[in-house]
Amino acid sequence: MTSGKMCKVKDDLVNQLIALNNKLNTLSPDLLHSEQARAEVQERRESLYVEIKRHRKIGHEGKHCPAVEHLKGRYSF
């Protein structure tokens, strides 16, 4: 999901998160070596969630991200 021209930074972070979610879904939990890979992907996902949350709050010179204000009416944050 993108917010159009509202915030490229947020869009890039969300796109990275989507890619990691897709990667996590393709890693088989049945394989021993993939447990470490899954843990690494999960750690990166958590880091991205924190980064997105921080960006929404103070990502534009200490101000809220305009994309959040733009989407508030349509989506719950």
C-alpha atoms as a PDB file:
ATOM      1  CA  MET A   1       0.000   0.000   0.000  1.00  0.00           C
ATOM      2  CA  THR A   2       1.315   3.422  -0.851  1.00  0.00           C
ATOM      3  CA  SER A   3       0.124   6.874   0.053  1.00  0.00           C
ATOM      4  CA  GLY A   4       0.765   8.357  -3.369  1.00  0.00           C
ATOM      5  CA  LYS A   5       2.966  11.441  -3.241  1.00  0.00           C
ATOM      6  CA  MET A   6       2.327  12.051   0.462  1.00  0.00           C
ATOM      7  CA  CYS A   7       5.444  10.340   1.855  1.00  0.00           C
ATOM      8  CA  LYS A   8       8.005   8.338  -0.082  1.00  0.00           C
ATOM      9  CA  VAL A   9       9.922   7.431   3.095  1.00  0.00           C
ATOM     10  CA  LYS A  10       6.875   5.767   4.667  1.00  0.00           C
ATOM     11  CA  ASP A  11       6.041   4.040   1.394  1.00  0.00           C
ATOM     12  CA  ASP A  12       9.581   2.643   1.156  1.00  0.00           C
ATOM     13  CA  LEU A  13       9.455   1.368   4.746  1.00  0.00           C
ATOM     14  CA  VAL A  14       6.064  -0.274   4.199  1.00  0.00           C
ATOM     15  CA  ASN A  15       7.265  -1.877   0.961  1.00  0.00           C
ATOM     16  CA  GLN A  16      10.297  -3.299   2.796  1.00  0.00           C
ATOM     17  CA  LEU A  17       7.962  -4.692   5.437  1.00  0.00           C
ATOM     18  CA  ILE A  18       5.739  -6.306   2.807  1.00  0.00           C
ATOM     19  CA  ALA A  19       8.798  -7.915   1.188  1.00  0.00           C
ATOM     20  CA  LEU A  20       9.954  -9.272   4.556  1.00  0.00           C
ATOM     21  CA  ASN A  21       6.483 -10.651   5.291  1.00  0.00           C
ATOM     22  CA  ASN A  22       6.537 -12.416   1.936  1.00  0.00           C
ATOM     23  CA  LYS A  23      10.019 -13.787   2.633  1.00  0.00           C
ATOM     24  CA  LEU A  24       8.961 -14.999   6.069  1.00  0.00           C
ATOM     25  CA  ASN A  25       5.992 -16.800   4.537  1.00  0.00           C
ATOM     26  CA  THR A  26       8.268 -18.674   2.114  1.00  0.00           C
ATOM     27  CA  LEU A  27      10.747 -19.921   4.738  1.00  0.00           C
ATOM     28  CA  SER A  28       9.822 -23.421   5.792  1.00  0.00           C
ATOM     29  CA  PRO A  29       9.717 -23.899   9.585  1.00  0.00           C
ATOM     30  CA  ASP A  30      10.459 -27.605   9.044  1.00  0.00           C
ATOM     31  CA  LEU A  31      14.054 -26.952   8.042  1.00  0.00           C
ATOM     32  CA  LEU A  32      16.536 -26.492  10.859  1.00  0.00           C
ATOM     33  CA  HIS A  33      18.615 -23.850   9.120  1.00  0.00           C
ATOM     34  CA  SER A  34      15.534 -21.798   8.302  1.00  0.00           C
ATOM     35  CA  GLU A  35      14.817 -21.222  11.997  1.00  0.00           C
ATOM     36  CA  GLN A  36      17.761 -18.842  12.129  1.00  0.00           C
ATOM     37  CA  ALA A  37      16.672 -17.208   8.861  1.00  0.00           C
ATOM     38  CA  ARG A  38      13.124 -16.821  10.190  1.00  0.00           C
ATOM     39  CA  ALA A  39      14.461 -15.256  13.394  1.00  0.00           C
ATOM     40  CA  GLU A  40      16.580 -12.801  11.402  1.00  0.00           C
ATOM     41  CA  VAL A  41      13.630 -11.828   9.199  1.00  0.00           C
ATOM     42  CA  GLN A  42      11.378 -11.478  12.241  1.00  0.00           C
ATOM     43  CA  GLU A  43      13.965  -9.234  13.938  1.00  0.00           C
ATOM     44  CA  ARG A  44      14.155  -7.020  10.840  1.00  0.00           C
ATOM     45  CA  ARG A  45      10.342  -6.865  10.667  1.00  0.00           C
ATOM     46  CA  GLU A  46      10.178  -5.698  14.272  1.00  0.00           C
ATOM     47  CA  SER A  47      12.836  -3.091  13.538  1.00  0.00           C
ATOM     48  CA  LEU A  48      10.831  -1.841  10.548  1.00  0.00           C
ATOM     49  CA  TYR A  49       7.662  -1.601  12.641  1.00  0.00           C
ATOM     50  CA  VAL A  50       9.553   0.605  15.124  1.00  0.00           C
ATOM     51  CA  GLU A  51      11.009   2.688  12.301  1.00  0.00           C
ATOM     52  CA  ILE A  52       7.583   3.164  10.676  1.00  0.00           C
ATOM     53  CA  LYS A  53       6.020   4.136  13.996  1.00  0.00           C
ATOM     54  CA  ARG A  54       8.813   6.637  14.698  1.00  0.00           C
ATOM     55  CA  HIS A  55       8.531   8.062  11.184  1.00  0.00           C
ATOM     56  CA  ARG A  56       4.769   8.486  11.529  1.00  0.00           C
ATOM     57  CA  LYS A  57       5.287  10.428  14.743  1.00  0.00           C
ATOM     58  CA  ILE A  58       8.365  12.595  14.084  1.00  0.00           C
ATOM     59  CA  GLY A  59       9.666  11.752  10.630  1.00  0.00           C
ATOM     60  CA  HIS A  60       9.303  15.170   9.028  1.00  0.00           C
ATOM     61  CA  GLU A  61      11.450  17.681  10.863  1.00  0.00           C
ATOM     62  CA  GLY A  62       9.886  16.654  14.167  1.00  0.00           C
ATOM     63  CA  LYS A  63       6.335  16.725  12.800  1.00  0.00           C
ATOM     64  CA  HIS A  64       3.857  13.940  12.076  1.00  0.00           C
ATOM     65  CA  CYS A  65       4.085  12.264   8.695  1.00  0.00           C
ATOM     66  CA  PRO A  66       1.537  13.840   6.300  1.00  0.00           C
ATOM     67  CA  ALA A  67       0.680  10.392   4.938  1.00  0.00           C
ATOM     68  CA  VAL A  68      -0.710   9.416   8.342  1.00  0.00           C
ATOM     69  CA  GLU A  69      -3.015  12.420   8.411  1.00  0.00           C
ATOM     70  CA  HIS A  70      -4.054  11.707   4.833  1.00  0.00           C
ATOM     71  CA  LEU A  71      -4.971   8.080   5.559  1.00  0.00           C
ATOM     72  CA  LYS A  72      -6.515   8.512   9.029  1.00  0.00           C
ATOM     73  CA  GLY A  73     -10.001   8.728   7.619  1.00  0.00           C
ATOM     74  CA  ARG A  74      -9.657   5.416   5.767  1.00  0.00           C
ATOM     75  CA  TYR A  75      -7.522   3.275   8.015  1.00  0.00           C
ATOM     76  CA  SER A  76      -7.110   2.796  11.721  1.00  0.00           C
ATOM     77  CA  PHE A  77      -3.663   3.592  13.122  1.00  0.00           C
END
